[in-house]
Amino acid sequence: MDRLLITIDGPSGAGKTTVSRLLAKRLGYTCVDTGALYRAVALAALWEKCAADDDGKLAEICRRLALRFEDTPKGLRLYMNEVEITENIRTPEISMLASAVSARPVVREHLLEVQRQMGKNGGAVFEGRDMGTVVFPEADVKFYLDAARKTRELRRYGELVVRLGRTKISLAEVGQAERKRDENDSGRSLAPLKPAHDAIRIDSTSLEIGQVVDLMLRHIAALMK
């Protein structure tokens, strides 16, 4: 099989990150969590006390960022200027700030080129919110992964508890934050969250992760015949 460029878009809690990693592993491809790139910019902005709408300072921050992923026995790790930030970017505060900075043209333009360079040789699975619509409109295979809102909120809450050991944040607070983020991402004028017109849509509400990956592999095989 040719080294394909595959995109997986969808809202938070649909299972994109886990599915993307497993799909990439099954195919022997690289997995790129593009949402993590925006979170990295958000983290840098937070550390430098930069407002989410300060385009001048955001542009300066982007110019100084060197971002890279490293596949390790512990999973995919993200480094910013050689400092590992994998866990730092997974807090509710960074989630909301990432949603805000991702709406700024200066940030999207910078990361657009970063992502396209990462995917220029194919053999990669890119997951995010506008991979199939904006970043890689000519991708070989496009998926849009979704799930019922309540399911997504429960998954996101479980992820926070496992990843961060956070027990003080409530499910209601997570749900409120996720709904706000969905509204921000879907309602923005620049690269809104939506399925590509030719995306294969998958509802993961009642599916296990392995079932989603198997379904995607069947779609890929069928398209490549």
Protein backbone atom coordinates (compact mmCIF):
# COMPACT_ATOMS: atom_id res chain seq x y z
CA MET A 1 0.00 0.00 0.00
CA ASP A 2 1.20 3.52 -0.79
CA ARG A 3 2.15 5.70 2.15
CA LEU A 4 -1.15 7.47 2.59
CA LEU A 5 -2.00 10.74 4.24
CA ILE A 6 -4.96 10.15 6.57
CA THR A 7 -6.88 12.78 8.52
CA ILE A 8 -9.17 12.31 11.51
CA ASP A 9 -11.24 15.31 12.60
CA GLY A 10 -13.87 15.65 15.28
CA PRO A 11 -14.75 17.17 18.64
CA SER A 12 -13.06 16.54 21.97
CA GLY A 13 -13.98 13.24 23.62
CA ALA A 14 -14.82 11.42 20.40
CA GLY A 15 -11.70 9.29 20.76
CA LYS A 16 -9.58 10.89 18.04
CA THR A 17 -6.25 10.81 19.85
CA THR A 18 -6.37 7.18 20.96
CA VAL A 19 -7.82 6.00 17.65
CA SER A 20 -5.23 7.95 15.66
CA ARG A 21 -2.34 6.45 17.60
CA LEU A 22 -3.64 2.90 17.24
CA LEU A 23 -4.47 3.34 13.56
CA ALA A 24 -1.00 4.75 12.88
CA LYS A 25 0.58 1.86 14.77
CA ARG A 26 -1.40 -0.72 12.78
CA LEU A 27 -0.30 0.93 9.53
CA GLY A 28 3.28 1.61 10.60
CA TYR A 29 2.67 5.33 10.16
CA THR A 30 3.52 8.46 12.13
CA CYS A 31 0.76 9.91 14.29
CA VAL A 32 0.49 13.68 14.60
CA ASP A 33 -1.74 15.16 17.29
CA THR A 34 -2.23 18.63 15.80
CA GLY A 35 -4.35 19.80 18.70
CA ALA A 36 -1.24 19.41 20.85
CA LEU A 37 0.53 21.97 18.66
CA TYR A 38 -2.15 24.57 19.39
CA ARG A 39 -2.02 23.63 23.05
CA ALA A 40 1.74 24.22 22.97
CA VAL A 41 1.21 27.74 21.66
CA ALA A 42 -1.42 28.26 24.37
CA LEU A 43 1.00 27.04 27.04
CA ALA A 44 3.73 29.36 25.77
CA ALA A 45 1.24 32.24 25.78
CA LEU A 46 0.25 31.41 29.36
CA TRP A 47 3.86 31.22 30.52
CA GLU A 48 4.60 34.58 28.88
CA LYS A 49 1.36 36.18 30.12
CA CYS A 50 0.25 36.83 26.54
CA ALA A 51 -3.45 37.52 25.94
CA ALA A 52 -5.18 35.20 23.47
CA ASP A 53 -5.97 38.14 21.16
CA ASP A 54 -2.52 39.78 21.23
CA ASP A 55 -1.56 38.91 17.65
CA GLY A 56 1.77 40.72 17.76
CA LYS A 57 3.04 38.82 20.76
CA LEU A 58 1.53 35.54 19.52
CA ALA A 59 3.45 35.96 16.26
CA GLU A 60 6.64 36.52 18.24
CA ILE A 61 5.98 33.44 20.36
CA CYS A 62 5.34 31.30 17.26
CA ARG A 63 8.60 32.43 15.66
CA ARG A 64 10.52 31.24 18.71
CA LEU A 65 8.80 27.87 19.04
CA ALA A 66 10.52 24.67 18.01
CA LEU A 67 8.01 21.82 18.29
CA ARG A 68 8.67 18.14 17.80
CA PHE A 69 7.03 14.83 18.64
CA GLU A 70 8.93 11.82 19.90
CA ASP A 71 7.51 8.30 19.93
CA THR A 72 8.57 6.61 23.19
CA PRO A 73 7.59 3.49 25.15
CA LYS A 74 5.35 5.84 27.17
CA GLY A 75 3.61 7.01 24.01
CA LEU A 76 3.88 10.10 21.86
CA ARG A 77 5.64 12.93 23.71
CA LEU A 78 5.70 16.59 22.69
CA TYR A 79 8.70 18.86 23.16
CA MET A 80 8.69 22.65 22.96
CA ASN A 81 12.15 24.14 22.62
CA GLU A 82 13.46 20.78 23.92
CA VAL A 83 11.32 20.91 27.07
CA GLU A 84 8.78 18.08 27.34
CA ILE A 85 5.28 19.51 27.79
CA THR A 86 3.13 16.43 27.15
CA GLU A 87 1.30 16.61 30.47
CA ASN A 88 1.42 20.39 30.88
CA ILE A 89 -0.88 20.95 27.90
CA ARG A 90 -3.69 18.64 29.06
CA THR A 91 -5.35 20.86 31.67
CA PRO A 92 -8.84 22.43 31.31
CA GLU A 93 -7.22 25.89 31.39
CA ILE A 94 -4.99 25.08 28.42
CA SER A 95 -7.92 23.46 26.57
CA MET A 96 -9.88 26.71 26.67
CA LEU A 97 -6.88 28.89 25.89
CA ALA A 98 -5.95 26.63 22.95
CA SER A 99 -9.45 27.05 21.56
CA ALA A 100 -9.01 30.83 21.77
CA VAL A 101 -5.54 31.07 20.23
CA SER A 102 -6.45 28.61 17.47
CA ALA A 103 -8.94 31.19 16.19
CA ARG A 104 -6.15 33.73 15.59
CA PRO A 105 -4.99 33.85 11.94
CA VAL A 106 -1.37 34.46 12.96
CA VAL A 107 -1.28 31.19 14.91
CA ARG A 108 -3.11 29.15 12.29
CA GLU A 109 -0.87 30.43 9.49
CA HIS A 110 2.25 29.48 11.39
CA LEU A 111 1.07 26.00 12.37
CA LEU A 112 -0.42 25.37 8.92
CA GLU A 113 3.06 25.33 7.44
CA VAL A 114 4.44 23.27 10.35
CA GLN A 115 1.76 20.62 9.81
CA ARG A 116 2.12 20.51 6.03
CA GLN A 117 5.86 20.00 6.37
CA MET A 118 5.20 17.10 8.76
CA GLY A 119 2.84 15.47 6.26
CA LYS A 120 4.56 16.16 2.96
CA ASN A 121 5.87 12.59 2.55
CA GLY A 122 2.67 10.80 3.56
CA GLY A 123 2.70 7.77 5.82
CA ALA A 124 0.99 9.75 8.55
CA VAL A 125 -2.26 10.05 10.47
CA PHE A 126 -3.13 13.63 11.38
CA GLU A 127 -5.83 14.24 13.96
CA GLY A 128 -7.40 17.57 14.77
CA ARG A 129 -10.30 19.80 13.90
CA ASP A 130 -9.59 21.10 10.39
CA MET A 131 -7.22 18.52 8.96
CA GLY A 132 -9.49 17.36 6.15
CA THR A 133 -11.07 20.74 5.45
CA VAL A 134 -8.16 23.20 5.57
CA VAL A 135 -4.74 21.68 6.25
CA PHE A 136 -4.92 18.63 3.96
CA PRO A 137 -7.96 19.01 1.67
CA GLU A 138 -6.32 16.55 -0.74
CA ALA A 139 -5.67 13.86 1.90
CA ASP A 140 -6.00 10.28 0.66
CA VAL A 141 -8.50 9.29 3.35
CA LYS A 142 -10.53 11.57 5.62
CA PHE A 143 -12.49 10.57 8.71
CA TYR A 144 -14.80 12.56 10.96
CA LEU A 145 -15.13 10.90 14.35
CA ASP A 146 -17.98 11.94 16.63
CA ALA A 147 -19.95 10.66 19.62
CA ALA A 148 -22.96 11.67 21.68
CA ARG A 149 -22.26 14.75 23.80
CA LYS A 150 -22.78 12.97 27.14
CA THR A 151 -20.45 10.18 26.07
CA ARG A 152 -17.78 12.68 25.08
CA GLU A 153 -18.08 14.53 28.39
CA LEU A 154 -17.73 11.30 30.38
CA ARG A 155 -14.68 10.27 28.36
CA ARG A 156 -13.06 13.66 28.80
CA TYR A 157 -13.68 13.59 32.55
CA GLY A 158 -12.20 10.08 32.82
CA GLU A 159 -9.18 11.16 30.80
CA LEU A 160 -8.52 14.08 33.16
CA VAL A 161 -8.81 11.90 36.25
CA VAL A 162 -6.45 9.24 34.86
CA ARG A 163 -3.97 11.63 33.29
CA LEU A 164 -3.80 14.33 35.93
CA GLY A 165 -5.23 12.68 39.01
CA ARG A 166 -7.73 15.52 39.15
CA THR A 167 -10.60 14.73 41.48
CA LYS A 168 -11.53 18.30 42.46
CA ILE A 169 -12.99 19.13 39.07
CA SER A 170 -16.55 17.89 38.64
CA LEU A 171 -18.20 16.18 35.69
CA ALA A 172 -20.53 19.19 35.41
CA GLU A 173 -17.55 21.54 35.12
CA VAL A 174 -15.96 19.36 32.46
CA GLY A 175 -19.25 19.26 30.54
CA GLN A 176 -19.60 23.03 30.68
CA ALA A 177 -16.03 23.54 29.46
CA GLU A 178 -16.47 21.02 26.64
CA ARG A 179 -19.72 22.62 25.48
CA LYS A 180 -18.08 26.04 25.44
CA ARG A 181 -15.13 24.70 23.50
CA ASP A 182 -17.41 23.01 20.95
CA GLU A 183 -19.26 26.30 20.47
CA ASN A 184 -15.99 28.20 20.01
CA ASP A 185 -14.52 25.68 17.57
CA SER A 186 -17.67 25.20 15.50
CA GLY A 187 -18.71 28.86 15.47
CA ARG A 188 -15.44 30.56 14.56
CA SER A 189 -15.19 32.07 11.10
CA LEU A 190 -11.65 30.79 10.53
CA ALA A 191 -11.38 27.02 9.92
CA PRO A 192 -14.44 25.98 11.95
CA LEU A 193 -14.84 22.43 13.19
CA LYS A 194 -16.94 20.56 10.62
CA PRO A 195 -16.71 17.38 8.53
CA ALA A 196 -15.03 17.61 5.14
CA HIS A 197 -17.56 17.06 2.35
CA ASP A 198 -15.86 13.77 1.46
CA ALA A 199 -15.10 12.59 5.00
CA ILE A 200 -16.16 9.16 6.21
CA ARG A 201 -18.26 9.85 9.30
CA ILE A 202 -18.06 7.45 12.24
CA ASP A 203 -20.10 7.61 15.44
CA SER A 204 -18.07 6.08 18.27
CA THR A 205 -20.76 6.36 20.96
CA SER A 206 -21.37 2.63 21.23
CA LEU A 207 -18.07 1.39 19.80
CA GLU A 208 -14.92 0.26 21.56
CA ILE A 209 -11.66 1.85 20.43
CA GLY A 210 -10.54 -1.34 18.70
CA GLN A 211 -13.82 -1.52 16.80
CA VAL A 212 -13.36 2.04 15.54
CA VAL A 213 -9.82 1.26 14.34
CA ASP A 214 -10.96 -1.94 12.62
CA LEU A 215 -13.77 -0.03 10.91
CA MET A 216 -11.34 2.61 9.67
CA LEU A 217 -8.98 -0.03 8.34
CA ARG A 218 -11.83 -1.62 6.40
CA HIS A 219 -12.73 1.76 4.89
CA ILE A 220 -9.10 2.42 3.96
CA ALA A 221 -8.76 -1.02 2.32
CA ALA A 222 -11.98 -0.49 0.37
CA LEU A 223 -10.91 2.94 -0.88
CA MET A 224 -7.52 1.68 -1.97
CA LYS A 225 -8.87 -1.18 -4.11
